[in-house]
């Protein structure tokens, strides 16, 4: 009878991997929360990058779309969850872009993290 050797867990010193395994682990709920946070961060980052590529300050962009610099600051915050499609369209138009929305399977977005 062949004995199975226990597979040793590969040790890592990568802090991100360690934190991910300790905090998220195999939890589907935690993976979904992380995926949502990543989506919000992605939107904020895209707004920031568009503004920077256009060479605009927050105040200048705000003036172009008839809002305040504090609103732009909030929209560029990764923790902000209130992005509206109409506001994203206003920002896009101010920098000669358009918004493109796509729908993907929920499993695809959760498993991608």
Protein backbone atom coordinates (compact mmCIF):
# COMPACT_ATOMS: atom_id res chain seq x y z
CA UNK A 1 0.00 0.00 0.00
CA UNK A 2 1.43 3.33 -1.05
CA UNK A 3 1.45 6.03 1.54
CA UNK A 4 0.55 9.51 0.54
CA UNK A 5 2.88 12.23 1.54
CA UNK A 6 1.23 15.29 2.91
CA UNK A 7 1.66 18.13 0.50
CA UNK A 8 3.46 20.93 2.18
CA UNK A 9 1.86 24.30 1.87
CA UNK A 10 4.11 26.58 -0.11
CA UNK A 11 5.30 29.30 2.23
CA UNK A 12 5.34 32.83 0.99
CA UNK A 13 6.72 36.12 2.17
CA UNK A 14 4.42 38.12 -0.13
CA UNK A 15 2.43 40.34 2.24
CA UNK A 16 -0.48 40.68 -0.19
CA UNK A 17 -0.83 36.89 -0.53
CA UNK A 18 -0.63 36.44 3.23
CA UNK A 19 -3.26 39.10 3.94
CA UNK A 20 -5.53 37.81 1.17
CA UNK A 21 -5.44 34.26 2.52
CA UNK A 22 -6.02 35.42 6.10
CA UNK A 23 -8.77 37.94 5.39
CA UNK A 24 -10.50 36.62 2.27
CA UNK A 25 -9.48 32.98 2.18
CA UNK A 26 -12.20 30.84 0.60
CA UNK A 27 -15.08 33.09 1.68
CA UNK A 28 -17.40 33.78 -1.23
CA UNK A 29 -18.85 36.79 0.60
CA UNK A 30 -15.42 38.32 1.15
CA UNK A 31 -14.46 37.69 -2.48
CA UNK A 32 -17.65 39.48 -3.60
CA UNK A 33 -16.93 42.44 -1.30
CA UNK A 34 -13.39 42.68 -2.62
CA UNK A 35 -14.61 42.53 -6.21
CA UNK A 36 -17.07 45.37 -5.54
CA UNK A 37 -14.34 47.48 -3.93
CA UNK A 38 -12.10 46.86 -6.94
CA UNK A 39 -14.86 47.99 -9.31
CA UNK A 40 -15.38 51.21 -7.34
CA UNK A 41 -11.64 51.82 -7.28
CA UNK A 42 -11.46 51.22 -11.03
CA UNK A 43 -14.11 53.87 -11.73
CA UNK A 44 -12.38 56.40 -9.49
CA UNK A 45 -9.04 55.68 -11.14
CA UNK A 46 -10.48 56.07 -14.63
CA UNK A 47 -11.97 59.46 -13.75
CA UNK A 48 -8.63 60.58 -12.30
CA UNK A 49 -6.70 59.32 -15.35
CA UNK A 50 -9.09 61.02 -17.79
CA UNK A 51 -8.73 64.30 -15.92
CA UNK A 52 -4.95 64.05 -15.81
CA UNK A 53 -4.69 63.13 -19.52
CA UNK A 54 -6.80 66.19 -20.30
CA UNK A 55 -4.43 68.31 -18.20
CA UNK A 56 -7.25 69.55 -15.98
CA UNK A 57 -7.27 70.30 -12.27
CA UNK A 58 -10.26 69.15 -10.24
CA UNK A 59 -11.54 72.74 -10.26
CA UNK A 60 -11.17 73.06 -14.03
CA UNK A 61 -13.04 69.80 -14.66
CA UNK A 62 -15.70 70.83 -12.17
CA UNK A 63 -16.17 74.15 -13.98
CA UNK A 64 -16.55 72.34 -17.32
CA UNK A 65 -19.37 70.14 -15.98
CA UNK A 66 -21.00 72.75 -13.76
CA UNK A 67 -20.21 71.23 -10.37
CA UNK A 68 -17.72 71.81 -7.56
CA UNK A 69 -14.15 70.60 -7.13
CA UNK A 70 -15.25 68.74 -3.99
CA UNK A 71 -17.63 66.63 -6.13
CA UNK A 72 -14.75 65.73 -8.46
CA UNK A 73 -12.60 64.90 -5.45
CA UNK A 74 -15.33 62.62 -4.11
CA UNK A 75 -15.77 60.92 -7.53
CA UNK A 76 -12.03 60.20 -7.63
CA UNK A 77 -12.14 58.62 -4.16
CA UNK A 78 -11.89 54.82 -4.29
CA UNK A 79 -14.38 54.55 -1.40
CA UNK A 80 -17.11 56.51 -3.19
CA UNK A 81 -20.07 54.34 -4.25
CA UNK A 82 -22.43 56.91 -5.78
CA UNK A 83 -21.21 57.16 -9.37
CA UNK A 84 -24.16 57.96 -11.60
CA UNK A 85 -24.24 57.29 -15.31
CA UNK A 86 -25.30 60.87 -16.01
CA UNK A 87 -22.30 62.26 -14.09
CA UNK A 88 -19.92 59.87 -15.85
CA UNK A 89 -21.34 61.04 -19.18
CA UNK A 90 -20.80 64.69 -18.22
CA UNK A 91 -17.18 63.96 -17.30
CA UNK A 92 -16.63 62.00 -20.50
CA UNK A 93 -18.07 64.79 -22.64
CA UNK A 94 -15.85 67.36 -20.91
CA UNK A 95 -12.75 65.45 -22.04
CA UNK A 96 -14.08 64.46 -25.49
CA UNK A 97 -14.82 60.86 -24.57
CA UNK A 98 -17.93 58.73 -24.22
CA UNK A 99 -18.98 56.22 -21.60
CA UNK A 100 -19.18 52.56 -22.60
CA UNK A 101 -21.13 50.17 -20.37
CA UNK A 102 -21.00 46.40 -20.63
CA UNK A 103 -22.70 43.60 -18.74
CA UNK A 104 -20.79 40.46 -17.73
CA UNK A 105 -21.74 37.31 -15.86
CA UNK A 106 -21.60 37.73 -12.11
CA UNK A 107 -19.49 34.58 -11.72
CA UNK A 108 -16.98 36.06 -14.13
CA UNK A 109 -16.47 39.15 -11.98
CA UNK A 110 -16.21 37.27 -8.68
CA UNK A 111 -13.85 34.59 -9.94
CA UNK A 112 -11.63 37.15 -11.64
CA UNK A 113 -10.33 38.30 -8.25
